[in-house]
């Protein structure tokens, strides 16, 4: 009896180990994002494709720019990302020591957002959000991304080519 129970436990453990991780239902996070975008009241919000939206902003340093908001079901609960690439890659300095220092300071100074380089070397300002957040929290984070991108551009303007 104990041997049989042990065998069953081994088989079940193996099945759980081989099973893919739990994910949000395909499209569930995109649907949540669509609801948030519609409820947000952003007049410039435009659906670019499934799970990708843009919102137009104006700033002091960046006269006109877009915040891109995407949704993915890549983990158990999904994730919504608001992102700005505030500076073209070819404008970034070749020697990035001072820019890296500015990024580290910005990551300490800004709420909700992170500033970094992506795998292609592009600069981004980004925030990751859970899809279950309410519309007011969503708007706060999106607006923080926009404000941080604009402010960061002012900080690094002297470093750009």
Protein backbone atom coordinates (compact mmCIF):
# COMPACT_ATOMS: atom_id res chain seq x y z
CA UNK A 1 0.00 0.00 0.00
CA UNK A 2 2.81 2.44 0.91
CA UNK A 3 4.68 1.48 -2.27
CA UNK A 4 1.56 2.15 -4.34
CA UNK A 5 1.04 5.57 -2.70
CA UNK A 6 4.71 6.43 -3.24
CA UNK A 7 4.46 5.46 -6.89
CA UNK A 8 1.36 7.62 -7.34
CA UNK A 9 3.14 10.57 -5.70
CA UNK A 10 6.13 10.15 -8.02
CA UNK A 11 3.90 10.01 -11.10
CA UNK A 12 1.90 13.08 -9.99
CA UNK A 13 5.08 15.00 -9.15
CA UNK A 14 6.49 14.23 -12.57
CA UNK A 15 3.29 15.34 -14.30
CA UNK A 16 3.23 18.64 -12.36
CA UNK A 17 6.90 19.24 -13.10
CA UNK A 18 6.35 18.72 -16.83
CA UNK A 19 3.13 20.73 -17.01
CA UNK A 20 3.40 24.26 -18.42
CA UNK A 21 3.12 27.06 -15.87
CA UNK A 22 -0.31 28.48 -15.18
CA UNK A 23 -1.10 31.42 -17.41
CA UNK A 24 -3.83 33.93 -17.71
CA UNK A 25 -6.49 32.90 -20.19
CA UNK A 26 -5.32 33.91 -23.68
CA UNK A 27 -6.55 37.42 -24.39
CA UNK A 28 -7.79 38.05 -20.86
CA UNK A 29 -5.20 40.74 -20.11
CA UNK A 30 -5.78 42.40 -23.49
CA UNK A 31 -9.50 42.58 -22.70
CA UNK A 32 -8.73 44.13 -19.30
CA UNK A 33 -6.46 46.67 -20.98
CA UNK A 34 -9.16 47.55 -23.49
CA UNK A 35 -11.61 48.16 -20.64
CA UNK A 36 -9.07 50.34 -18.80
CA UNK A 37 -8.32 52.36 -21.93
CA UNK A 38 -12.00 52.96 -22.66
CA UNK A 39 -12.73 53.91 -19.04
CA UNK A 40 -9.67 56.18 -18.79
CA UNK A 41 -11.14 58.95 -20.90
CA UNK A 42 -7.95 59.55 -22.90
CA UNK A 43 -9.22 61.24 -26.05
CA UNK A 44 -6.06 60.43 -28.00
CA UNK A 45 -6.08 56.72 -27.10
CA UNK A 46 -5.76 54.60 -30.23
CA UNK A 47 -5.76 50.84 -30.56
CA UNK A 48 -2.81 49.95 -32.78
CA UNK A 49 -3.45 46.22 -32.76
CA UNK A 50 -4.67 43.58 -30.33
CA UNK A 51 -3.24 44.33 -26.88
CA UNK A 52 -1.35 47.47 -28.06
CA UNK A 53 -2.59 51.03 -27.55
CA UNK A 54 -1.00 54.46 -27.82
CA UNK A 55 -1.81 57.67 -25.97
CA UNK A 56 -0.55 61.08 -27.13
CA UNK A 57 1.14 63.38 -24.61
CA UNK A 58 2.86 66.76 -24.71
CA UNK A 59 5.61 67.86 -22.38
CA UNK A 60 8.08 70.64 -21.72
CA UNK A 61 11.06 68.70 -23.08
CA UNK A 62 9.24 66.39 -25.47
CA UNK A 63 6.77 68.50 -27.45
CA UNK A 64 4.76 65.48 -28.68
CA UNK A 65 5.25 61.85 -27.82
CA UNK A 66 3.32 58.62 -27.42
CA UNK A 67 3.02 56.33 -24.45
CA UNK A 68 2.61 52.78 -25.71
CA UNK A 69 0.50 50.54 -23.48
CA UNK A 70 0.59 46.79 -24.05
CA UNK A 71 -0.88 43.70 -22.44
CA UNK A 72 0.48 40.19 -22.28
CA UNK A 73 -0.63 36.94 -20.71
CA UNK A 74 2.96 35.79 -20.15
CA UNK A 75 2.49 34.75 -16.54
CA UNK A 76 -0.24 33.54 -14.21
CA UNK A 77 -2.08 36.84 -13.97
CA UNK A 78 -0.86 38.78 -17.00
CA UNK A 79 0.87 42.15 -17.11
CA UNK A 80 0.19 45.60 -18.55
CA UNK A 81 3.17 47.73 -19.57
CA UNK A 82 3.26 51.48 -20.26
CA UNK A 83 6.39 52.46 -22.19
CA UNK A 84 8.07 55.47 -23.80
CA UNK A 85 11.26 55.51 -25.85
CA UNK A 86 11.99 59.21 -25.26
CA UNK A 87 15.22 59.56 -27.26
CA UNK A 88 16.21 58.06 -30.58
CA UNK A 89 19.05 55.57 -30.19
CA UNK A 90 21.31 57.53 -32.53
CA UNK A 91 21.05 60.59 -30.24
CA UNK A 92 22.44 58.73 -27.23
CA UNK A 93 26.07 59.44 -26.34
CA UNK A 94 28.70 56.93 -27.39
CA UNK A 95 30.23 57.04 -23.91
CA UNK A 96 27.30 56.18 -21.68
CA UNK A 97 28.92 56.57 -18.24
CA UNK A 98 27.23 59.89 -17.45
CA UNK A 99 23.95 58.66 -18.95
CA UNK A 100 24.08 55.51 -16.82
CA UNK A 101 24.58 57.68 -13.73
CA UNK A 102 21.54 59.76 -14.72
CA UNK A 103 19.50 56.57 -15.16
CA UNK A 104 20.45 55.31 -11.70
CA UNK A 105 19.47 58.63 -10.14
CA UNK A 106 16.17 58.69 -12.07
CA UNK A 107 15.31 55.18 -10.87
CA UNK A 108 15.67 56.45 -7.32
CA UNK A 109 13.79 59.71 -7.94
CA UNK A 110 10.78 58.56 -9.99
CA UNK A 111 7.79 56.75 -8.53
CA UNK A 112 6.29 53.73 -10.31
CA UNK A 113 8.69 53.81 -13.28
CA UNK A 114 12.04 52.44 -14.28
CA UNK A 115 14.49 53.91 -16.75
CA UNK A 116 16.90 51.59 -18.55
CA UNK A 117 18.24 50.27 -21.83
CA UNK A 118 16.45 47.43 -23.60
CA UNK A 119 18.23 44.52 -25.27
CA UNK A 120 18.71 46.60 -28.45
CA UNK A 121 20.32 49.48 -26.55
CA UNK A 122 17.29 51.76 -26.78
CA UNK A 123 16.51 53.95 -23.79
CA UNK A 124 13.09 53.41 -22.23
CA UNK A 125 10.90 54.71 -19.43
CA UNK A 126 8.50 52.00 -18.37
CA UNK A 127 6.06 50.83 -15.73
CA UNK A 128 4.66 47.34 -15.25
CA UNK A 129 1.13 47.06 -13.89
CA UNK A 130 -1.13 44.25 -12.76
CA UNK A 131 -4.21 43.96 -14.99
CA UNK A 132 -6.55 44.01 -11.99
CA UNK A 133 -5.87 47.64 -11.11
CA UNK A 134 -8.66 50.21 -11.16
CA UNK A 135 -8.86 52.96 -13.77
CA UNK A 136 -7.63 55.72 -11.43
CA UNK A 137 -4.50 53.77 -10.51
CA UNK A 138 -3.98 52.93 -14.18
CA UNK A 139 -4.14 56.59 -15.17
CA UNK A 140 -1.77 57.57 -12.35
CA UNK A 141 0.87 55.13 -13.54
CA UNK A 142 0.48 56.00 -17.24
CA UNK A 143 0.79 59.70 -16.43
CA UNK A 144 3.85 59.00 -14.26
CA UNK A 145 5.49 57.27 -17.23
CA UNK A 146 4.76 60.28 -19.45
CA UNK A 147 5.95 62.81 -16.84
CA UNK A 148 9.10 60.82 -16.05
CA UNK A 149 9.98 60.48 -19.75
CA UNK A 150 9.60 64.21 -20.26
CA UNK A 151 11.55 65.14 -17.12
CA UNK A 152 14.30 62.61 -17.83
CA UNK A 153 14.81 64.05 -21.30
CA UNK A 154 15.39 67.45 -19.73
CA UNK A 155 17.96 65.94 -17.38
CA UNK A 156 19.94 64.22 -20.12
CA UNK A 157 19.62 66.86 -22.87
CA UNK A 158 23.21 68.08 -22.36
CA UNK A 159 24.48 64.50 -22.81
CA UNK A 160 22.77 63.85 -26.15
CA UNK A 161 24.39 64.06 -29.58
